[in-house]
Amino acid sequence: MQASEARGAVAAAVSTAVSLGLAADDVTVLQDSNKLTLRLLPCDVLARVAPAAQQVARFEIELAQRLTAAGCPVAALEPRVEPRVHERDGFEVTLWSYYEPLTPRREIPPADYAHALRRLHAGMRTLDVPTPHFTDRVEQAQRLVADHDRTPELADADRELLGDTLRNLRRAIGEHGGAEQLLHGEPHPGNVLTTGNGLLFIDLETCCRGPVEFDLAHAPEEVGEHCPGIDRDLLRQCRRLVLAMVTAWRWDKDDQLPEGRRLGTEWLGRIRAARGLGGPVPGADRGARARARADVRSSSGRFEEV
């Protein structure tokens, strides 16, 4: 958020908490992207604040309640207040339980990560929730790439490369067939908490429908090794698709990811090297992939993992 908007978001969160009887004398910004994530003390509540125009908070609240009831490993809403969206001064504020992280997210054992994701998917299969299809997310990236005004620094050759990659992989994955279900949409390490209650997934606004391989493509590659029954060819295609999508976000003129242009250029090189190969995206050894993942932080609610 811009500084002035962020100040308004913080004020909205604090005043909302106080009006509900929660003490909020101290505020720590945990994440600043298309929404602000705050820790309020001494009530120890996590507040998520977004401009009211985005209108995604209601969906996230309703889905979180249903997933919690289904036994899914997701972060819970704050139990001391009514589970709803609080509107104040042009912002939507939602209040969640705060979880003190037990270990760094980058150190989650792959087997534990895979187990938590399987539990999430199992619970999601029991829900009938109207959500976008994963191809709608791909279309957003395609529109961004095609819009010269929004991506003015993207060279014509790179624009064509990204556009072709997104279109071809979207078609190939769609033609692959297979089962589809409700997905998290972006279950990368930035959206996984390590808590005393085990691993918990957060940020449900990106939920969509599609093959589970699309979700798994956001997780570290080692996680897939602990997922029996996965279509490995489809997973490779989904990883390439996710890389193309996250590369597109880096060329948005409004992207605020630190070193975003450097990453966008690096990832374009990986896409160019992989074009037409049909195999894993070159990024080479696991050390290189780990360094790439460590470079990435969430921005504008978009993909963190590649």
Protein backbone atom coordinates (compact mmCIF):
# COMPACT_ATOMS: atom_id res chain seq x y z
CA MET A 1 0.00 0.00 0.00
CA GLN A 2 1.01 3.61 -0.43
CA ALA A 3 2.11 5.25 2.82
CA SER A 4 -1.03 7.37 3.18
CA GLU A 5 -3.29 4.41 2.47
CA ALA A 6 -1.35 2.24 4.92
CA ARG A 7 -1.80 4.79 7.69
CA GLY A 8 -5.54 4.76 7.07
CA ALA A 9 -5.57 0.95 7.08
CA VAL A 10 -3.76 0.81 10.42
CA ALA A 11 -6.13 3.35 11.93
CA ALA A 12 -9.13 1.37 10.66
CA ALA A 13 -7.81 -1.86 12.19
CA VAL A 14 -7.07 -0.26 15.56
CA SER A 15 -10.40 1.52 15.80
CA THR A 16 -12.25 -1.64 14.79
CA ALA A 17 -10.49 -3.70 17.46
CA VAL A 18 -11.09 -1.10 20.17
CA SER A 19 -14.76 -0.83 19.26
CA LEU A 20 -15.04 -4.59 19.81
CA GLY A 21 -13.43 -4.44 23.24
CA LEU A 22 -9.97 -5.56 22.15
CA ALA A 23 -6.96 -3.62 23.43
CA ALA A 24 -4.80 -2.45 20.52
CA ASP A 25 -2.16 -0.10 21.86
CA ASP A 26 0.66 -1.44 19.72
CA VAL A 27 0.72 -2.40 16.03
CA THR A 28 3.31 -4.43 14.11
CA VAL A 29 3.13 -4.64 10.32
CA LEU A 30 3.65 -8.28 9.32
CA GLN A 31 3.00 -7.90 5.58
CA ASP A 32 2.37 -4.98 3.26
CA SER A 33 1.02 -5.89 -0.16
CA ASN A 34 -2.41 -5.38 -1.72
CA LYS A 35 -3.65 -5.70 1.85
CA LEU A 36 -2.04 -4.93 5.18
CA THR A 37 -1.50 -7.72 7.71
CA LEU A 38 -1.04 -6.46 11.26
CA ARG A 39 -0.43 -7.88 14.72
CA LEU A 40 -2.39 -5.96 17.33
CA LEU A 41 -1.18 -5.98 20.94
CA PRO A 42 -1.85 -6.56 23.79
CA CYS A 43 -5.00 -8.31 22.51
CA ASP A 44 -2.70 -10.39 20.26
CA VAL A 45 -4.96 -10.46 17.22
CA LEU A 46 -4.01 -10.61 13.57
CA ALA A 47 -5.85 -8.05 11.45
CA ARG A 48 -6.07 -8.15 7.67
CA VAL A 49 -7.04 -4.84 6.10
CA ALA A 50 -7.87 -4.17 2.45
CA PRO A 51 -9.59 -1.37 0.54
CA ALA A 52 -13.31 -2.04 0.49
CA ALA A 53 -13.30 -1.96 -3.31
CA GLN A 54 -11.47 -5.29 -3.45
CA GLN A 55 -14.47 -7.10 -1.90
CA VAL A 56 -12.71 -10.40 -1.25
CA ALA A 57 -12.86 -10.46 2.54
CA ARG A 58 -16.39 -11.88 2.77
CA PHE A 59 -15.48 -14.82 0.59
CA GLU A 60 -12.40 -15.51 2.70
CA ILE A 61 -14.35 -15.33 5.98
CA GLU A 62 -17.08 -17.69 4.79
CA LEU A 63 -14.60 -20.15 3.33
CA ALA A 64 -12.43 -20.13 6.46
CA GLN A 65 -15.44 -21.04 8.59
CA ARG A 66 -16.41 -23.92 6.33
CA LEU A 67 -12.87 -25.25 6.05
CA THR A 68 -12.39 -25.09 9.81
CA ALA A 69 -15.64 -27.00 10.30
CA ALA A 70 -14.40 -29.61 7.81
CA GLY A 71 -11.23 -30.13 9.86
CA CYS A 72 -8.90 -28.53 7.35
CA PRO A 73 -5.52 -27.17 8.53
CA VAL A 74 -6.31 -23.47 8.11
CA ALA A 75 -5.84 -20.47 10.39
CA ALA A 76 -8.88 -19.70 12.54
CA LEU A 77 -10.82 -16.50 12.88
CA GLU A 78 -10.50 -14.57 16.15
CA PRO A 79 -12.91 -16.35 18.54
CA ARG A 80 -13.56 -13.33 20.80
CA VAL A 81 -15.49 -11.40 18.17
CA GLU A 82 -18.22 -12.10 15.63
CA PRO A 83 -16.78 -13.76 12.51
CA ARG A 84 -17.55 -11.13 9.92
CA VAL A 85 -16.09 -8.35 7.81
CA HIS A 86 -15.87 -5.02 9.61
CA GLU A 87 -16.15 -1.97 7.35
CA ARG A 88 -14.55 1.25 8.50
CA ASP A 89 -13.37 4.38 6.67
CA GLY A 90 -13.27 2.72 3.27
CA PHE A 91 -11.49 -0.42 4.46
CA GLU A 92 -12.55 -3.99 5.16
CA VAL A 93 -11.06 -5.40 8.36
CA THR A 94 -11.06 -9.09 9.29
CA LEU A 95 -9.73 -10.39 12.60
CA TRP A 96 -7.90 -13.70 12.95
CA SER A 97 -6.12 -15.73 15.61
CA TYR A 98 -2.44 -14.87 15.82
CA TYR A 99 -0.04 -17.82 15.77
CA GLU A 100 3.52 -17.46 16.99
CA PRO A 101 5.67 -19.23 14.39
CA LEU A 102 7.62 -22.17 15.80
CA THR A 103 10.15 -22.50 12.96
CA PRO A 104 11.03 -20.47 9.86
CA ARG A 105 8.71 -21.26 6.96
CA ARG A 106 11.66 -22.13 4.76
CA GLU A 107 12.56 -25.01 7.10
CA ILE A 108 9.27 -26.91 6.91
CA PRO A 109 10.04 -30.60 6.36
CA PRO A 110 8.77 -31.56 2.89
CA ALA A 111 6.93 -34.62 4.23
CA ASP A 112 5.04 -32.48 6.77
CA TYR A 113 4.24 -29.92 4.08
CA ALA A 114 2.87 -32.64 1.78
CA HIS A 115 0.80 -34.19 4.57
CA ALA A 116 -0.78 -30.83 5.46
CA LEU A 117 -1.57 -30.10 1.82
CA ARG A 118 -3.18 -33.52 1.38
CA ARG A 119 -5.35 -32.88 4.46
CA LEU A 120 -6.36 -29.50 3.07
CA HIS A 121 -7.30 -30.98 -0.29
CA ALA A 122 -9.23 -33.83 1.35
CA GLY A 123 -11.35 -31.35 3.30
CA MET A 124 -11.82 -29.13 0.28
CA ARG A 125 -13.21 -32.06 -1.70
CA THR A 126 -16.16 -32.16 0.72
CA LEU A 127 -17.18 -28.56 -0.02
CA ASP A 128 -19.32 -27.22 -2.80
CA VAL A 129 -18.18 -23.62 -3.08
CA PRO A 130 -18.52 -21.40 -6.17
CA THR A 131 -15.01 -20.28 -7.05
CA PRO A 132 -13.12 -19.17 -10.15
CA HIS A 133 -11.32 -21.77 -12.26
CA PHE A 134 -7.52 -21.73 -12.21
CA THR A 135 -7.63 -20.70 -15.88
CA ASP A 136 -9.25 -17.43 -14.79
CA ARG A 137 -6.02 -16.70 -12.93
CA VAL A 138 -4.05 -17.50 -16.07
CA GLU A 139 -6.24 -15.10 -18.04
CA GLN A 140 -5.36 -12.33 -15.58
CA ALA A 141 -1.69 -12.88 -16.34
CA GLN A 142 -2.39 -13.00 -20.08
CA ARG A 143 -4.27 -9.70 -19.95
CA LEU A 144 -1.40 -8.13 -18.02
CA VAL A 145 1.16 -9.29 -20.58
CA ALA A 146 -0.98 -8.02 -23.46
CA ASP A 147 -1.46 -4.58 -21.87
CA HIS A 148 1.46 -2.34 -22.90
CA ASP A 149 0.31 0.41 -20.55
CA ARG A 150 0.51 -1.87 -17.50
CA THR A 151 3.78 -3.56 -18.57
CA PRO A 152 5.66 -0.78 -20.39
CA GLU A 153 9.15 -2.17 -19.65
CA LEU A 154 8.46 -5.62 -21.10
CA ALA A 155 10.28 -5.97 -24.41
CA ASP A 156 8.25 -7.10 -27.43
CA ALA A 157 10.11 -10.41 -27.77
CA ASP A 158 9.64 -11.16 -24.08
CA ARG A 159 6.01 -10.16 -24.28
CA GLU A 160 5.50 -12.65 -27.08
CA LEU A 161 7.41 -15.34 -25.18
CA LEU A 162 5.32 -14.90 -22.03
CA GLY A 163 2.06 -14.69 -23.95
CA ASP A 164 2.80 -17.84 -25.94
CA THR A 165 3.91 -19.73 -22.83
CA LEU A 166 0.80 -18.83 -20.86
CA ARG A 167 -1.52 -19.65 -23.75
CA ASN A 168 0.14 -22.95 -24.68
CA LEU A 169 0.44 -24.28 -21.14
CA ARG A 170 -3.09 -23.25 -20.28
CA ARG A 171 -4.35 -25.19 -23.28
CA ALA A 172 -2.10 -28.22 -22.62
CA ILE A 173 -3.15 -28.50 -18.98
CA GLY A 174 -6.81 -28.08 -19.92
CA GLU A 175 -6.55 -30.82 -22.53
CA HIS A 176 -4.81 -33.13 -20.09
CA GLY A 177 -8.12 -33.93 -18.40
CA GLY A 178 -8.29 -35.55 -14.99
CA ALA A 179 -10.01 -34.73 -11.74
CA GLU A 180 -10.46 -31.16 -10.55
CA GLN A 181 -11.48 -29.84 -7.15
CA LEU A 182 -11.40 -26.83 -4.86
CA LEU A 183 -7.81 -25.62 -4.40
CA HIS A 184 -6.03 -23.14 -2.17
CA GLY A 185 -4.65 -21.42 -5.24
CA GLU A 186 -1.33 -20.27 -3.78
CA PRO A 187 -0.15 -22.69 -1.04
CA HIS A 188 3.46 -21.48 -1.17
CA PRO A 189 5.60 -21.31 2.01
CA GLY A 190 4.60 -17.71 2.58
CA ASN A 191 1.05 -18.94 3.12
CA VAL A 192 1.95 -21.73 5.56
CA LEU A 193 2.29 -21.16 9.31
CA THR A 194 4.23 -23.46 11.62
CA THR A 195 2.23 -23.52 14.85
CA GLY A 196 1.63 -25.57 17.97
CA ASN A 197 -1.40 -26.92 16.11
CA GLY A 198 0.75 -28.10 13.22
CA LEU A 199 1.02 -26.49 9.79
CA LEU A 200 -1.81 -24.11 8.94
CA PHE A 201 -2.60 -22.49 5.60
CA ILE A 202 -3.59 -18.83 5.36
CA ASP A 203 -4.71 -16.35 2.68
CA LEU A 204 -7.73 -18.09 1.20
CA GLU A 205 -8.74 -15.35 -1.22
CA THR A 206 -6.95 -17.12 -4.07
CA CYS A 207 -9.04 -20.33 -3.88
CA CYS A 208 -10.02 -21.72 -7.26
CA ARG A 209 -10.86 -25.00 -8.97
CA GLY A 210 -8.41 -27.13 -10.86
CA PRO A 211 -6.10 -30.15 -10.61
CA VAL A 212 -4.26 -30.64 -7.32
CA GLU A 213 -1.03 -30.44 -9.32
CA PHE A 214 -1.67 -26.71 -9.79
CA ASP A 215 -1.56 -26.23 -6.01
CA LEU A 216 1.45 -28.49 -5.63
CA ALA A 217 3.30 -26.44 -8.25
CA HIS A 218 3.50 -23.58 -5.72
CA ALA A 219 5.24 -25.69 -3.08
CA PRO A 220 8.96 -26.47 -2.99
CA GLU A 221 9.83 -29.19 -5.47
CA GLU A 222 10.79 -31.62 -2.70
CA VAL A 223 7.20 -31.60 -1.42
CA GLY A 224 6.01 -33.33 -4.58
CA GLU A 225 8.27 -36.26 -3.82
CA HIS A 226 6.02 -37.05 -0.84
CA CYS A 227 2.77 -37.00 -2.81
CA PRO A 228 1.94 -40.44 -4.24
CA GLY A 229 -0.59 -40.58 -7.04
CA ILE A 230 0.38 -37.22 -8.50
CA ASP A 231 0.56 -36.93 -12.28
CA ARG A 232 4.22 -36.01 -12.70
CA ASP A 233 3.90 -34.77 -16.27
CA LEU A 234 0.99 -32.54 -15.30
CA LEU A 235 2.92 -31.24 -12.29
CA ARG A 236 5.85 -30.27 -14.52
CA GLN A 237 3.49 -28.38 -16.82
CA CYS A 238 1.87 -26.63 -13.85
CA ARG A 239 5.28 -25.60 -12.50
CA ARG A 240 6.14 -24.03 -15.82
CA LEU A 241 2.76 -22.30 -15.92
CA VAL A 242 3.18 -20.90 -12.39
CA LEU A 243 6.65 -19.64 -13.30
CA ALA A 244 5.20 -17.83 -16.33
CA MET A 245 2.42 -16.32 -14.23
CA VAL A 246 4.68 -15.05 -11.46
CA THR A 247 7.06 -13.68 -14.09
CA ALA A 248 4.19 -11.72 -15.61
CA TRP A 249 3.42 -10.12 -12.23
CA ARG A 250 7.01 -8.90 -11.96
CA TRP A 251 6.56 -6.73 -15.05
CA ASP A 252 3.46 -4.95 -13.77
CA LYS A 253 4.42 -1.30 -13.43
CA ASP A 254 2.74 -1.27 -10.02
CA ASP A 255 4.61 -4.34 -8.73
CA GLN A 256 6.32 -3.55 -5.43
CA LEU A 257 8.35 -6.73 -4.93
CA PRO A 258 11.94 -5.89 -3.95
CA GLU A 259 14.22 -6.60 -6.90
CA GLY A 260 11.16 -7.54 -8.91
CA ARG A 261 12.64 -6.51 -12.25
CA ARG A 262 15.79 -8.53 -11.61
CA LEU A 263 13.71 -11.59 -10.80
CA GLY A 264 11.48 -10.99 -13.81
CA THR A 265 14.50 -10.88 -16.09
CA GLU A 266 16.02 -14.00 -14.50
CA TRP A 267 12.78 -15.96 -14.81
CA LEU A 268 12.31 -14.89 -18.42
CA GLY A 269 15.68 -16.51 -19.08
CA ARG A 270 14.49 -19.74 -17.49
CA ILE A 271 11.29 -19.71 -19.53
CA ARG A 272 13.24 -19.03 -22.71
CA ALA A 273 15.58 -21.95 -21.97
CA ALA A 274 12.64 -24.28 -21.29
CA ARG A 275 10.61 -23.29 -24.33
CA GLY A 276 9.63 -26.33 -26.33
CA LEU A 277 11.46 -28.77 -24.07
CA GLY A 278 8.39 -30.07 -22.26
CA GLY A 279 10.47 -30.99 -19.21
CA PRO A 280 11.27 -29.33 -15.88
CA VAL A 281 11.99 -25.63 -16.00
CA PRO A 282 15.75 -25.18 -15.95
CA GLY A 283 16.82 -23.53 -12.79
CA ALA A 284 19.13 -26.18 -12.45
CA ASP A 285 20.20 -27.73 -9.21
CA ARG A 286 18.27 -27.66 -5.96
CA GLY A 287 20.64 -25.07 -4.55
CA ALA A 288 19.79 -22.71 -7.39
CA ARG A 289 16.09 -23.34 -6.92
CA ALA A 290 16.41 -22.75 -3.20
CA ARG A 291 18.18 -19.45 -3.82
CA ALA A 292 15.43 -18.43 -6.25
CA ARG A 293 12.74 -19.28 -3.69
CA ALA A 294 14.58 -17.34 -1.00
CA ASP A 295 14.56 -14.30 -3.27
CA VAL A 296 10.80 -14.22 -3.57
CA ARG A 297 8.45 -12.50 -1.18
CA SER A 298 4.70 -12.16 -1.61
CA SER A 299 3.57 -9.02 -3.39
CA SER A 300 0.13 -7.74 -4.29
CA GLY A 301 -1.42 -11.02 -3.19
CA ARG A 302 0.32 -12.89 -5.93
CA PHE A 303 2.51 -15.95 -6.17
CA GLU A 304 5.51 -16.26 -3.90
CA GLU A 305 6.86 -19.63 -4.95
CA VAL A 306 8.32 -20.67 -8.28
